[in-house]
Amino acid sequence: MKKRLLILLILIFPFTGTQLLAGEFKITGTNLSNSGLYFYTSGNGTLNADSTGIYATVDTLQLQIGGFTIKKNQSWQNLKITTTGAGSYDIEIRSKAGKVIHSQSGLTSTVSINLSSISLLSEGTNFQMYLTLNADSLMVTQIKATYSGNSVICYPAPYKAGSGDLTIAYDLPANGKVTIKIYDNGGKLVKTILNESYQSAKSTRFNNAPYWNGKSSTGRLVSTGVYTVVVDVRFLTSAYSDYVSYFRLLIIR
């Protein structure tokens, strides 16, 4: 009977796969060819990419970088192109199909573009970028595109209580107050895991994420069933929106 119940719970609840953390694509002169993105060049100029940055010599060069890819439930936040030296460049952001959805020309210094304000870059949308570089002393030292998931991930999932710790990872792009609580399937509070203020990136998937040993506030291992991990994040700056995120988790005894 217990086996049948567990199989039924697994079929009913999608415990993994849709809730994703924030991240970034970062391109420099040293990782352009192995950044996980693809690039092409056109024009008579020569592309140079080394430890000093990305730049053009001889003539004007257009650099196309594609493969900026996110998944459903993730949203683009910002694109920052950091430059040094004198000169100018143009930028176009295009959809996967090649439609221009944002452009700026005659740029002479570092630029930051709010991708979340571009309506055609909706949740889960991919894009490509075109940079036109002139053969002068202007150098692109870094290209960084960031995205947010405002979410929580717990692993392993399903989780076997008493067999080790459950890791709880969440998105914290800026300093904030974080509260993590676990509720049973009836909505009753099982335990408060965290209620603290943290610095940006204090708790992410690979950096000091909090753990839970599967015990309730009374010190007993919880029973088999479906539980909800609730992460409530209140940022200390208005630049980010507060969020509450949920993770449905099957726990097995």
C-alpha atoms as a PDB file:
ATOM      1  CA  MET A   1       0.000   0.000   0.000  1.00  0.00           C
ATOM      2  CA  LYS A   2       2.836   2.384   0.876  1.00  0.00           C
ATOM      3  CA  LYS A   3       4.520   1.766  -2.506  1.00  0.00           C
ATOM      4  CA  ARG A   4       1.291   2.528  -4.354  1.00  0.00           C
ATOM      5  CA  LEU A   5       0.890   5.770  -2.411  1.00  0.00           C
ATOM      6  CA  LEU A   6       4.440   6.912  -3.268  1.00  0.00           C
ATOM      7  CA  ILE A   7       3.987   6.135  -6.964  1.00  0.00           C
ATOM      8  CA  LEU A   8       0.708   8.078  -6.966  1.00  0.00           C
ATOM      9  CA  LEU A   9       2.342  11.085  -5.302  1.00  0.00           C
ATOM     10  CA  ILE A  10       5.196  11.083  -7.835  1.00  0.00           C
ATOM     11  CA  LEU A  11       2.728  11.008 -10.720  1.00  0.00           C
ATOM     12  CA  ILE A  12       0.607  13.844  -9.317  1.00  0.00           C
ATOM     13  CA  PHE A  13       3.305  16.351  -8.351  1.00  0.00           C
ATOM     14  CA  PRO A  14       6.051  17.697 -10.665  1.00  0.00           C
ATOM     15  CA  PHE A  15       8.777  18.049  -8.053  1.00  0.00           C
ATOM     16  CA  THR A  16      11.644  19.133 -10.254  1.00  0.00           C
ATOM     17  CA  GLY A  17      12.410  20.962 -13.454  1.00  0.00           C
ATOM     18  CA  THR A  18      10.533  24.270 -13.644  1.00  0.00           C
ATOM     19  CA  GLN A  19      11.908  26.416 -10.847  1.00  0.00           C
ATOM     20  CA  LEU A  20      15.279  27.841 -11.873  1.00  0.00           C
ATOM     21  CA  LEU A  21      17.828  30.116 -10.269  1.00  0.00           C
ATOM     22  CA  ALA A  22      19.293  33.323 -11.631  1.00  0.00           C
ATOM     23  CA  GLY A  23      22.513  33.354 -13.629  1.00  0.00           C
ATOM     24  CA  GLU A  24      24.599  35.186 -16.193  1.00  0.00           C
ATOM     25  CA  PHE A  25      26.498  34.933 -19.456  1.00  0.00           C
ATOM     26  CA  LYS A  26      29.926  36.550 -19.192  1.00  0.00           C
ATOM     27  CA  ILE A  27      32.172  37.060 -22.229  1.00  0.00           C
ATOM     28  CA  THR A  28      35.743  38.366 -22.256  1.00  0.00           C
ATOM     29  CA  GLY A  29      38.598  38.303 -24.736  1.00  0.00           C
ATOM     30  CA  THR A  30      39.945  35.099 -23.211  1.00  0.00           C
ATOM     31  CA  ASN A  31      36.719  33.063 -23.207  1.00  0.00           C
ATOM     32  CA  LEU A  32      34.982  34.293 -26.374  1.00  0.00           C
ATOM     33  CA  SER A  33      35.662  31.026 -28.202  1.00  0.00           C
ATOM     34  CA  ASN A  34      34.672  28.738 -25.313  1.00  0.00           C
ATOM     35  CA  SER A  35      31.931  30.683 -23.512  1.00  0.00           C
ATOM     36  CA  GLY A  36      29.195  28.286 -24.607  1.00  0.00           C
ATOM     37  CA  LEU A  37      27.911  30.882 -27.095  1.00  0.00           C
ATOM     38  CA  TYR A  38      28.560  31.044 -30.825  1.00  0.00           C
ATOM     39  CA  PHE A  39      29.939  34.012 -32.757  1.00  0.00           C
ATOM     40  CA  TYR A  40      30.471  35.162 -36.337  1.00  0.00           C
ATOM     41  CA  THR A  41      32.242  38.139 -37.844  1.00  0.00           C
ATOM     42  CA  SER A  42      31.620  40.172 -40.989  1.00  0.00           C
ATOM     43  CA  GLY A  43      33.238  43.214 -42.601  1.00  0.00           C
ATOM     44  CA  ASN A  44      36.818  43.935 -43.593  1.00  0.00           C
ATOM     45  CA  GLY A  45      38.151  44.343 -40.073  1.00  0.00           C
ATOM     46  CA  THR A  46      40.119  41.764 -38.132  1.00  0.00           C
ATOM     47  CA  LEU A  47      38.820  40.420 -34.831  1.00  0.00           C
ATOM     48  CA  ASN A  48      41.257  40.337 -31.922  1.00  0.00           C
ATOM     49  CA  ALA A  49      40.374  38.642 -28.647  1.00  0.00           C
ATOM     50  CA  ASP A  50      42.953  38.250 -25.900  1.00  0.00           C
ATOM     51  CA  SER A  51      43.568  38.995 -22.238  1.00  0.00           C
ATOM     52  CA  THR A  52      43.209  42.738 -22.867  1.00  0.00           C
ATOM     53  CA  GLY A  53      39.744  42.456 -24.429  1.00  0.00           C
ATOM     54  CA  ILE A  54      37.867  42.250 -27.734  1.00  0.00           C
ATOM     55  CA  TYR A  55      38.721  44.778 -30.442  1.00  0.00           C
ATOM     56  CA  ALA A  56      38.984  45.337 -34.205  1.00  0.00           C
ATOM     57  CA  THR A  57      41.977  46.240 -36.323  1.00  0.00           C
ATOM     58  CA  VAL A  58      42.444  47.274 -39.974  1.00  0.00           C
ATOM     59  CA  ASP A  59      38.799  48.216 -40.600  1.00  0.00           C
ATOM     60  CA  THR A  60      35.233  48.158 -39.222  1.00  0.00           C
ATOM     61  CA  LEU A  61      34.089  44.771 -37.950  1.00  0.00           C
ATOM     62  CA  GLN A  62      30.668  43.423 -37.012  1.00  0.00           C
ATOM     63  CA  LEU A  63      30.638  40.744 -34.316  1.00  0.00           C
ATOM     64  CA  GLN A  64      27.520  38.596 -33.973  1.00  0.00           C
ATOM     65  CA  ILE A  65      27.130  36.665 -30.720  1.00  0.00           C
ATOM     66  CA  GLY A  66      24.228  34.225 -30.397  1.00  0.00           C
ATOM     67  CA  GLY A  67      23.028  31.578 -28.010  1.00  0.00           C
ATOM     68  CA  PHE A  68      21.833  33.802 -25.154  1.00  0.00           C
ATOM     69  CA  THR A  69      19.352  31.192 -23.947  1.00  0.00           C
ATOM     70  CA  ILE A  70      17.158  30.939 -20.868  1.00  0.00           C
ATOM     71  CA  LYS A  71      14.295  28.653 -19.936  1.00  0.00           C
ATOM     72  CA  LYS A  72      10.680  29.160 -19.015  1.00  0.00           C
ATOM     73  CA  ASN A  73      10.296  30.850 -15.593  1.00  0.00           C
ATOM     74  CA  GLN A  74      13.540  32.796 -16.130  1.00  0.00           C
ATOM     75  CA  SER A  75      13.623  36.439 -17.268  1.00  0.00           C
ATOM     76  CA  TRP A  76      16.331  38.669 -18.714  1.00  0.00           C
ATOM     77  CA  GLN A  77      17.504  41.467 -16.425  1.00  0.00           C
ATOM     78  CA  ASN A  78      20.455  43.424 -17.779  1.00  0.00           C
ATOM     79  CA  LEU A  79      23.065  43.558 -20.538  1.00  0.00           C
ATOM     80  CA  LYS A  80      26.273  45.410 -19.730  1.00  0.00           C
ATOM     81  CA  ILE A  81      29.051  46.076 -22.218  1.00  0.00           C
ATOM     82  CA  THR A  82      32.199  47.325 -20.496  1.00  0.00           C
ATOM     83  CA  THR A  83      34.683  49.216 -22.650  1.00  0.00           C
ATOM     84  CA  THR A  84      37.933  51.101 -22.326  1.00  0.00           C
ATOM     85  CA  GLY A  85      39.836  53.438 -24.625  1.00  0.00           C
ATOM     86  CA  ALA A  86      38.610  55.946 -27.194  1.00  0.00           C
ATOM     87  CA  GLY A  87      36.364  55.286 -30.177  1.00  0.00           C
ATOM     88  CA  SER A  88      32.765  54.286 -30.857  1.00  0.00           C
ATOM     89  CA  TYR A  89      30.630  51.209 -31.372  1.00  0.00           C
ATOM     90  CA  ASP A  90      27.047  50.249 -32.240  1.00  0.00           C
ATOM     91  CA  ILE A  91      24.860  47.554 -30.730  1.00  0.00           C
ATOM     92  CA  GLU A  92      21.780  45.706 -31.893  1.00  0.00           C
ATOM     93  CA  ILE A  93      19.772  43.153 -29.933  1.00  0.00           C
ATOM     94  CA  ARG A  94      17.861  40.817 -32.196  1.00  0.00           C
ATOM     95  CA  SER A  95      15.356  38.060 -31.634  1.00  0.00           C
ATOM     96  CA  LYS A  96      16.258  34.463 -32.412  1.00  0.00           C
ATOM     97  CA  ALA A  97      14.540  34.993 -35.776  1.00  0.00           C
ATOM     98  CA  GLY A  98      16.754  38.013 -36.512  1.00  0.00           C
ATOM     99  CA  LYS A  99      14.303  40.851 -35.821  1.00  0.00           C
ATOM    100  CA  VAL A 100      15.916  44.001 -34.356  1.00  0.00           C
ATOM    101  CA  ILE A 101      14.279  44.679 -30.970  1.00  0.00           C
ATOM    102  CA  HIS A 102      16.763  47.225 -29.574  1.00  0.00           C
ATOM    103  CA  SER A 103      19.573  49.309 -31.052  1.00  0.00           C
ATOM    104  CA  GLN A 104      21.998  52.041 -29.998  1.00  0.00           C
ATOM    105  CA  SER A 105      24.671  53.682 -32.116  1.00  0.00           C
ATOM    106  CA  GLY A 106      27.646  55.964 -31.590  1.00  0.00           C
ATOM    107  CA  LEU A 107      28.381  54.612 -28.119  1.00  0.00           C
ATOM    108  CA  THR A 108      31.736  55.710 -26.721  1.00  0.00           C
ATOM    109  CA  SER A 109      31.819  54.164 -23.256  1.00  0.00           C
ATOM    110  CA  THR A 110      30.376  51.417 -21.065  1.00  0.00           C
ATOM    111  CA  VAL A 111      26.640  50.910 -21.546  1.00  0.00           C
ATOM    112  CA  SER A 112      24.055  49.100 -19.427  1.00  0.00           C
ATOM    113  CA  ILE A 113      20.775  48.049 -21.045  1.00  0.00           C
ATOM    114  CA  ASN A 114      17.711  47.115 -18.997  1.00  0.00           C
ATOM    115  CA  LEU A 115      16.590  43.965 -20.805  1.00  0.00           C
ATOM    116  CA  SER A 116      13.543  43.537 -18.563  1.00  0.00           C
ATOM    117  CA  SER A 117      12.034  46.707 -20.095  1.00  0.00           C
ATOM    118  CA  ILE A 118      12.142  45.280 -23.642  1.00  0.00           C
ATOM    119  CA  SER A 119       8.677  43.839 -24.176  1.00  0.00           C
ATOM    120  CA  LEU A 120       9.764  41.402 -26.904  1.00  0.00           C
ATOM    121  CA  LEU A 121      12.224  39.787 -24.481  1.00  0.00           C
ATOM    122  CA  SER A 122       9.549  38.031 -22.494  1.00  0.00           C
ATOM    123  CA  GLU A 123      10.039  35.153 -20.073  1.00  0.00           C
ATOM    124  CA  GLY A 124      12.047  32.346 -21.626  1.00  0.00           C
ATOM    125  CA  THR A 125      12.921  34.322 -24.789  1.00  0.00           C
ATOM    126  CA  ASN A 126      16.330  33.928 -26.446  1.00  0.00           C
ATOM    127  CA  PHE A 127      18.285  36.644 -28.258  1.00  0.00           C
ATOM    128  CA  GLN A 128      21.433  37.406 -30.220  1.00  0.00           C
ATOM    129  CA  MET A 129      23.618  40.499 -30.188  1.00  0.00           C
ATOM    130  CA  TYR A 130      25.422  42.402 -32.948  1.00  0.00           C
ATOM    131  CA  LEU A 131      28.372  44.646 -32.073  1.00  0.00           C
ATOM    132  CA  THR A 132      29.882  46.902 -34.721  1.00  0.00           C
ATOM    133  CA  LEU A 133      33.433  47.835 -33.746  1.00  0.00           C
ATOM    134  CA  ASN A 134      35.557  50.442 -35.484  1.00  0.00           C
ATOM    135  CA  ALA A 135      39.298  49.970 -35.987  1.00  0.00           C
ATOM    136  CA  ASP A 136      40.467  52.312 -33.260  1.00  0.00           C
ATOM    137  CA  SER A 137      41.625  52.169 -29.667  1.00  0.00           C
ATOM    138  CA  LEU A 138      38.210  51.222 -28.254  1.00  0.00           C
ATOM    139  CA  MET A 139      38.250  47.838 -26.543  1.00  0.00           C
ATOM    140  CA  VAL A 140      35.417  45.723 -25.140  1.00  0.00           C
ATOM    141  CA  THR A 141      36.693  44.193 -21.899  1.00  0.00           C
ATOM    142  CA  GLN A 142      33.514  42.361 -20.857  1.00  0.00           C
ATOM    143  CA  ILE A 143      29.987  41.547 -22.041  1.00  0.00           C
ATOM    144  CA  LYS A 144      27.616  40.352 -19.326  1.00  0.00           C
ATOM    145  CA  ALA A 145      23.957  39.398 -19.676  1.00  0.00           C
ATOM    146  CA  THR A 146      22.110  38.547 -16.464  1.00  0.00           C
ATOM    147  CA  TYR A 147      18.812  36.783 -15.896  1.00  0.00           C
ATOM    148  CA  SER A 148      16.661  36.083 -12.879  1.00  0.00           C
ATOM    149  CA  GLY A 149      14.535  33.153 -11.813  1.00  0.00           C
ATOM    150  CA  ASN A 150      13.331  34.443  -8.418  1.00  0.00           C
ATOM    151  CA  SER A 151      13.046  30.880  -7.269  1.00  0.00           C
ATOM    152  CA  VAL A 152      14.033  28.098  -4.940  1.00  0.00           C
ATOM    153  CA  ILE A 153      15.442  24.657  -5.682  1.00  0.00           C
ATOM    154  CA  CYS A 154      15.711  21.793  -3.191  1.00  0.00           C
ATOM    155  CA  TYR A 155      17.800  18.707  -3.702  1.00  0.00           C
ATOM    156  CA  PRO A 156      17.848  15.781  -3.577  1.00  0.00           C
ATOM    157  CA  ALA A 157      14.215  15.552  -4.654  1.00  0.00           C
ATOM    158  CA  PRO A 158      12.470  13.370  -3.679  1.00  0.00           C
ATOM    159  CA  TYR A 159      14.153  13.555  -0.267  1.00  0.00           C
ATOM    160  CA  LYS A 160      14.558  10.617   2.132  1.00  0.00           C
ATOM    161  CA  ALA A 161      14.278  11.939   5.660  1.00  0.00           C
ATOM    162  CA  GLY A 162      17.096  10.819   7.923  1.00  0.00           C
ATOM    163  CA  SER A 163      19.446   9.829   5.104  1.00  0.00           C
ATOM    164  CA  GLY A 164      21.323  13.135   4.972  1.00  0.00           C
ATOM    165  CA  ASP A 165      20.583  16.818   4.595  1.00  0.00           C
ATOM    166  CA  LEU A 166      18.252  18.568   2.155  1.00  0.00           C
ATOM    167  CA  THR A 167      19.934  21.511   0.390  1.00  0.00           C
ATOM    168  CA  ILE A 168      17.784  24.604  -0.149  1.00  0.00           C
ATOM    169  CA  ALA A 169      19.130  27.010  -2.793  1.00  0.00           C
ATOM    170  CA  TYR A 170      17.529  30.315  -3.760  1.00  0.00           C
ATOM    171  CA  ASP A 171      18.118  33.457  -5.781  1.00  0.00           C
ATOM    172  CA  LEU A 172      19.718  36.350  -3.859  1.00  0.00           C
ATOM    173  CA  PRO A 173      21.139  38.919  -6.336  1.00  0.00           C
ATOM    174  CA  ALA A 174      21.279  41.674  -3.680  1.00  0.00           C
ATOM    175  CA  ASN A 175      21.410  41.993   0.119  1.00  0.00           C
ATOM    176  CA  GLY A 176      18.140  40.989   1.753  1.00  0.00           C
ATOM    177  CA  LYS A 177      16.202  39.400   4.591  1.00  0.00           C
ATOM    178  CA  VAL A 178      15.529  35.709   3.923  1.00  0.00           C
ATOM    179  CA  THR A 179      12.931  33.532   5.633  1.00  0.00           C
ATOM    180  CA  ILE A 180      12.616  29.824   4.818  1.00  0.00           C
ATOM    181  CA  LYS A 181       9.745  27.753   6.201  1.00  0.00           C
ATOM    182  CA  ILE A 182       8.529  24.214   5.568  1.00  0.00           C
ATOM    183  CA  TYR A 183       4.830  23.322   5.628  1.00  0.00           C
ATOM    184  CA  ASP A 184       3.101  19.954   5.461  1.00  0.00           C
ATOM    185  CA  ASN A 185       0.403  19.148   2.904  1.00  0.00           C
ATOM    186  CA  GLY A 186      -2.268  20.476   5.247  1.00  0.00           C
ATOM    187  CA  GLY A 187      -0.628  23.897   5.512  1.00  0.00           C
ATOM    188  CA  LYS A 188       0.749  23.382   9.018  1.00  0.00           C
ATOM    189  CA  LEU A 189       4.182  24.872   9.765  1.00  0.00           C
ATOM    190  CA  VAL A 190       6.716  22.089  10.247  1.00  0.00           C
ATOM    191  CA  LYS A 191       9.836  24.158  10.855  1.00  0.00           C
ATOM    192  CA  THR A 192      11.390  27.568  10.233  1.00  0.00           C
ATOM    193  CA  ILE A 193      14.770  26.879   8.649  1.00  0.00           C
ATOM    194  CA  LEU A 194      16.040  30.435   8.259  1.00  0.00           C
ATOM    195  CA  ASN A 195      15.089  33.942   9.339  1.00  0.00           C
ATOM    196  CA  GLU A 196      18.162  36.067   8.769  1.00  0.00           C
ATOM    197  CA  SER A 197      19.634  38.928   6.749  1.00  0.00           C
ATOM    198  CA  TYR A 198      22.216  37.893   4.155  1.00  0.00           C
ATOM    199  CA  GLN A 199      24.596  39.504   1.744  1.00  0.00           C
ATOM    200  CA  SER A 200      24.195  39.043  -2.002  1.00  0.00           C
ATOM    201  CA  ALA A 201      24.990  35.490  -3.181  1.00  0.00           C
ATOM    202  CA  LYS A 202      25.405  34.271   0.416  1.00  0.00           C
ATOM    203  CA  SER A 203      23.106  31.362  -0.351  1.00  0.00           C
ATOM    204  CA  THR A 204      23.081  30.075  -3.890  1.00  0.00           C
ATOM    205  CA  ARG A 205      23.215  26.590  -5.356  1.00  0.00           C
ATOM    206  CA  PHE A 206      26.987  26.331  -4.940  1.00  0.00           C
ATOM    207  CA  ASN A 207      27.701  28.772  -2.128  1.00  0.00           C
ATOM    208  CA  ASN A 208      26.657  28.096   1.476  1.00  0.00           C
ATOM    209  CA  ALA A 209      23.044  27.117   0.801  1.00  0.00           C
ATOM    210  CA  PRO A 210      21.104  26.258   4.002  1.00  0.00           C
ATOM    211  CA  TYR A 211      20.381  22.652   4.917  1.00  0.00           C
ATOM    212  CA  TRP A 212      17.549  20.796   6.630  1.00  0.00           C
ATOM    213  CA  ASN A 213      17.907  17.444   8.381  1.00  0.00           C
ATOM    214  CA  GLY A 214      14.304  16.354   7.853  1.00  0.00           C
ATOM    215  CA  LYS A 215      13.233  17.015  11.437  1.00  0.00           C
ATOM    216  CA  SER A 216      10.332  19.139  12.623  1.00  0.00           C
ATOM    217  CA  SER A 217      10.557  21.875  15.264  1.00  0.00           C
ATOM    218  CA  THR A 218       9.959  19.161  17.894  1.00  0.00           C
ATOM    219  CA  GLY A 219      13.056  17.252  16.758  1.00  0.00           C
ATOM    220  CA  ARG A 220      11.272  14.316  15.124  1.00  0.00           C
ATOM    221  CA  LEU A 221      11.751  13.102  11.549  1.00  0.00           C
ATOM    222  CA  VAL A 222       8.774  14.079   9.412  1.00  0.00           C
ATOM    223  CA  SER A 223       6.472  11.483   7.924  1.00  0.00           C
ATOM    224  CA  THR A 224       6.197  10.450   4.283  1.00  0.00           C
ATOM    225  CA  GLY A 225       4.217  12.980   2.286  1.00  0.00           C
ATOM    226  CA  VAL A 226       4.252  16.130   0.183  1.00  0.00           C
ATOM    227  CA  TYR A 227       5.707  19.271   1.766  1.00  0.00           C
ATOM    228  CA  THR A 228       6.134  22.848   0.597  1.00  0.00           C
ATOM    229  CA  VAL A 229       9.339  24.835   1.074  1.00  0.00           C
ATOM    230  CA  VAL A 230       8.559  28.562   1.120  1.00  0.00           C
ATOM    231  CA  VAL A 231      11.331  31.121   0.611  1.00  0.00           C
ATOM    232  CA  ASP A 232      10.431  34.757   1.346  1.00  0.00           C
ATOM    233  CA  VAL A 233      13.056  37.319   0.236  1.00  0.00           C
ATOM    234  CA  ARG A 234      12.831  41.027   1.143  1.00  0.00           C
ATOM    235  CA  PHE A 235      15.579  43.051  -0.517  1.00  0.00           C
ATOM    236  CA  LEU A 236      17.286  45.984   1.218  1.00  0.00           C
ATOM    237  CA  THR A 237      17.300  47.988  -2.026  1.00  0.00           C
ATOM    238  CA  SER A 238      14.429  49.113  -4.260  1.00  0.00           C
ATOM    239  CA  ALA A 239      16.405  48.036  -7.330  1.00  0.00           C
ATOM    240  CA  TYR A 240      15.046  44.487  -6.880  1.00  0.00           C
ATOM    241  CA  SER A 241      11.505  43.267  -6.315  1.00  0.00           C
ATOM    242  CA  ASP A 242      10.741  41.214  -3.207  1.00  0.00           C
ATOM    243  CA  TYR A 243       9.506  37.701  -3.928  1.00  0.00           C
ATOM    244  CA  VAL A 244       8.034  34.597  -2.358  1.00  0.00           C
ATOM    245  CA  SER A 245       8.871  31.295  -4.056  1.00  0.00           C
ATOM    246  CA  TYR A 246       7.641  27.752  -3.470  1.00  0.00           C
ATOM    247  CA  PHE A 247       9.009  24.260  -3.988  1.00  0.00           C
ATOM    248  CA  ARG A 248       6.784  21.188  -3.712  1.00  0.00           C
ATOM    249  CA  LEU A 249       8.806  18.333  -2.271  1.00  0.00           C
ATOM    250  CA  LEU A 250       8.101  14.642  -1.812  1.00  0.00           C
ATOM    251  CA  ILE A 251       9.620  13.316   1.417  1.00  0.00           C
ATOM    252  CA  ILE A 252      10.026   9.578   1.985  1.00  0.00           C
ATOM    253  CA  ARG A 253      10.676   7.813   5.279  1.00  0.00           C
END
